C-alpha atoms as a PDB file:
ATOM      1  CA  MET A   1     -30.977  11.238 -20.090  1.00  0.00           C
ATOM      2  CA  MET A   2     -33.680   9.387 -21.935  1.00  0.00           C
ATOM      3  CA  ARG A   3     -34.710   5.962 -20.644  1.00  0.00           C
ATOM      4  CA  ILE A   4     -34.581   3.071 -23.137  1.00  0.00           C
ATOM      5  CA  ASP A   5     -37.063   0.206 -22.840  1.00  0.00           C
ATOM      6  CA  TYR A   6     -36.775  -2.944 -24.955  1.00  0.00           C
ATOM      7  CA  THR A   7     -39.654  -5.309 -25.601  1.00  0.00           C
ATOM      8  CA  ARG A   8     -38.950  -8.940 -24.758  1.00  0.00           C
ATOM      9  CA  ARG A   9     -38.753  -9.732 -28.470  1.00  0.00           C
ATOM     10  CA  ALA A  10     -36.142  -6.996 -29.128  1.00  0.00           C
ATOM     11  CA  ALA A  11     -34.046  -7.960 -26.081  1.00  0.00           C
ATOM     12  CA  LYS A  12     -34.090 -11.613 -27.119  1.00  0.00           C
ATOM     13  CA  PHE A  13     -32.881 -10.737 -30.632  1.00  0.00           C
ATOM     14  CA  ILE A  14     -30.032  -8.587 -29.283  1.00  0.00           C
ATOM     15  CA  ALA A  15     -28.972 -11.398 -26.947  1.00  0.00           C
ATOM     16  CA  SER A  16     -28.725 -13.773 -29.926  1.00  0.00           C
ATOM     17  CA  LEU A  17     -26.224 -11.585 -31.808  1.00  0.00           C
ATOM     18  CA  ASP A  18     -22.442 -11.820 -31.846  1.00  0.00           C
ATOM     19  CA  GLY A  19     -20.491  -9.190 -29.894  1.00  0.00           C
ATOM     20  CA  ALA A  20     -19.530  -6.882 -32.784  1.00  0.00           C
ATOM     21  CA  THR A  21     -23.060  -6.804 -34.248  1.00  0.00           C
ATOM     22  CA  LYS A  22     -24.591  -6.329 -30.797  1.00  0.00           C
ATOM     23  CA  ASN A  23     -22.325  -3.301 -30.162  1.00  0.00           C
ATOM     24  CA  LYS A  24     -23.220  -1.823 -33.561  1.00  0.00           C
ATOM     25  CA  ILE A  25     -26.969  -2.168 -32.866  1.00  0.00           C
ATOM     26  CA  LEU A  26     -26.727  -0.806 -29.306  1.00  0.00           C
ATOM     27  CA  SER A  27     -24.640   2.132 -30.526  1.00  0.00           C
ATOM     28  CA  GLY A  28     -27.297   2.899 -33.153  1.00  0.00           C
ATOM     29  CA  VAL A  29     -30.050   2.754 -30.523  1.00  0.00           C
ATOM     30  CA  MET A  30     -28.059   5.134 -28.279  1.00  0.00           C
ATOM     31  CA  GLY A  31     -27.949   7.589 -31.203  1.00  0.00           C
ATOM     32  CA  LEU A  32     -31.756   7.727 -31.043  1.00  0.00           C
ATOM     33  CA  THR A  33     -31.562   9.354 -27.605  1.00  0.00           C
ATOM     34  CA  ASP A  34     -29.823  12.419 -29.075  1.00  0.00           C
ATOM     35  CA  ILE A  35     -31.779  15.486 -30.136  1.00  0.00           C
ATOM     36  CA  PRO A  36     -32.137  15.308 -33.085  1.00  0.00           C
ATOM     37  CA  PRO A  37     -31.812  11.507 -33.316  1.00  0.00           C
ATOM     38  CA  LYS A  38     -28.908  10.175 -35.378  1.00  0.00           C
ATOM     39  CA  GLY A  39     -29.174   7.569 -38.120  1.00  0.00           C
ATOM     40  CA  ASP A  40     -31.102   6.565 -41.230  1.00  0.00           C
ATOM     41  CA  ILE A  41     -34.599   7.076 -39.814  1.00  0.00           C
ATOM     42  CA  LYS A  42     -38.008   6.938 -41.465  1.00  0.00           C
ATOM     43  CA  LEU A  43     -41.558   7.303 -40.157  1.00  0.00           C
ATOM     44  CA  LEU A  44     -43.544   4.075 -40.586  1.00  0.00           C
ATOM     45  CA  HIS A  45     -47.054   3.871 -42.005  1.00  0.00           C
ATOM     46  CA  GLY A  46     -49.617   1.086 -42.074  1.00  0.00           C
ATOM     47  CA  ASP A  47     -50.040  -1.507 -39.332  1.00  0.00           C
ATOM     48  CA  TYR A  48     -47.615   0.112 -36.894  1.00  0.00           C
ATOM     49  CA  PRO A  49     -48.615   2.108 -33.804  1.00  0.00           C
ATOM     50  CA  SER A  50     -48.891   5.847 -34.327  1.00  0.00           C
ATOM     51  CA  LYS A  51     -45.547   7.656 -34.612  1.00  0.00           C
ATOM     52  CA  SER A  52     -43.436   4.497 -35.004  1.00  0.00           C
ATOM     53  CA  PHE A  53     -40.103   4.846 -36.754  1.00  0.00           C
ATOM     54  CA  ARG A  54     -37.494   2.555 -38.239  1.00  0.00           C
ATOM     55  CA  LEU A  55     -33.740   2.886 -37.939  1.00  0.00           C
ATOM     56  CA  ARG A  56     -31.566   1.208 -40.562  1.00  0.00           C
ATOM     57  CA  ILE A  57     -28.283  -0.241 -39.316  1.00  0.00           C
ATOM     58  CA  GLY A  58     -26.758  -2.101 -42.267  1.00  0.00           C
ATOM     59  CA  LYS A  59     -28.962  -5.113 -42.966  1.00  0.00           C
ATOM     60  CA  TYR A  60     -30.781  -4.742 -39.630  1.00  0.00           C
ATOM     61  CA  ARG A  61     -33.868  -2.674 -38.852  1.00  0.00           C
ATOM     62  CA  VAL A  62     -34.935  -1.293 -35.484  1.00  0.00           C
ATOM     63  CA  ILE A  63     -38.628  -0.412 -35.018  1.00  0.00           C
ATOM     64  CA  TYR A  64     -39.106   2.109 -32.216  1.00  0.00           C
ATOM     65  CA  ARG A  65     -41.265   4.908 -30.852  1.00  0.00           C
ATOM     66  CA  TYR A  66     -40.998   7.633 -28.249  1.00  0.00           C
ATOM     67  CA  ASP A  67     -43.250   7.711 -25.185  1.00  0.00           C
ATOM     68  CA  VAL A  68     -43.575   9.623 -21.920  1.00  0.00           C
ATOM     69  CA  ASP A  69     -43.867   8.083 -18.440  1.00  0.00           C
ATOM     70  CA  GLU A  70     -45.927   9.310 -15.470  1.00  0.00           C
ATOM     71  CA  ASN A  71     -43.090  11.655 -14.415  1.00  0.00           C
ATOM     72  CA  ASN A  72     -43.090  13.274 -17.860  1.00  0.00           C
ATOM     73  CA  GLN A  73     -39.716  11.693 -18.688  1.00  0.00           C
ATOM     74  CA  ARG A  74     -39.150  10.686 -22.321  1.00  0.00           C
ATOM     75  CA  ILE A  75     -38.800   6.979 -23.040  1.00  0.00           C
ATOM     76  CA  LEU A  76     -37.394   5.344 -26.160  1.00  0.00           C
ATOM     77  CA  VAL A  77     -39.351   2.115 -26.672  1.00  0.00           C
ATOM     78  CA  VAL A  78     -37.538  -0.369 -28.936  1.00  0.00           C
ATOM     79  CA  GLU A  79     -40.340  -2.539 -30.304  1.00  0.00           C
ATOM     80  CA  GLU A  80     -38.476  -4.921 -32.597  1.00  0.00           C
ATOM     81  CA  ILE A  81     -35.067  -5.594 -34.120  1.00  0.00           C
ATOM     82  CA  ASN A  82     -34.502  -8.001 -36.990  1.00  0.00           C
ATOM     83  CA  LEU A  83     -33.031  -8.461 -40.445  1.00  0.00           C
ATOM     84  CA  ARG A  84     -34.539  -6.325 -43.186  1.00  0.00           C
ATOM     85  CA  GLY A  85     -36.268  -9.290 -44.858  1.00  0.00           C
ATOM     86  CA  ASN A  86     -37.899 -10.485 -41.625  1.00  0.00           C
ATOM     87  CA  ILE A  87     -38.989  -7.335 -39.827  1.00  0.00           C
ATOM     88  CA  TYR A  88     -41.832  -6.159 -42.048  1.00  0.00           C
ATOM     89  CA  ASP A  89     -43.707  -9.520 -42.039  1.00  0.00           C
END
């Protein structure tokens, strides 16, 4: 099983959501742990760290990347979650 780490900013945004939206977002994030990952995914370019991706979940966007820890276990790092109009600022 892949470990999922959320930045403080992403965790705070999830905590602010209503129950139905929170479940939809968390379900989408869980789909990223599958091989191949599930969802509307695109590789990001520009000011994002190397190999960052975005997942579209309705009007929300999840910015994430994959990493490896010291035990060579894969980690899904959720960098940011926000509305489409606010995430790319």
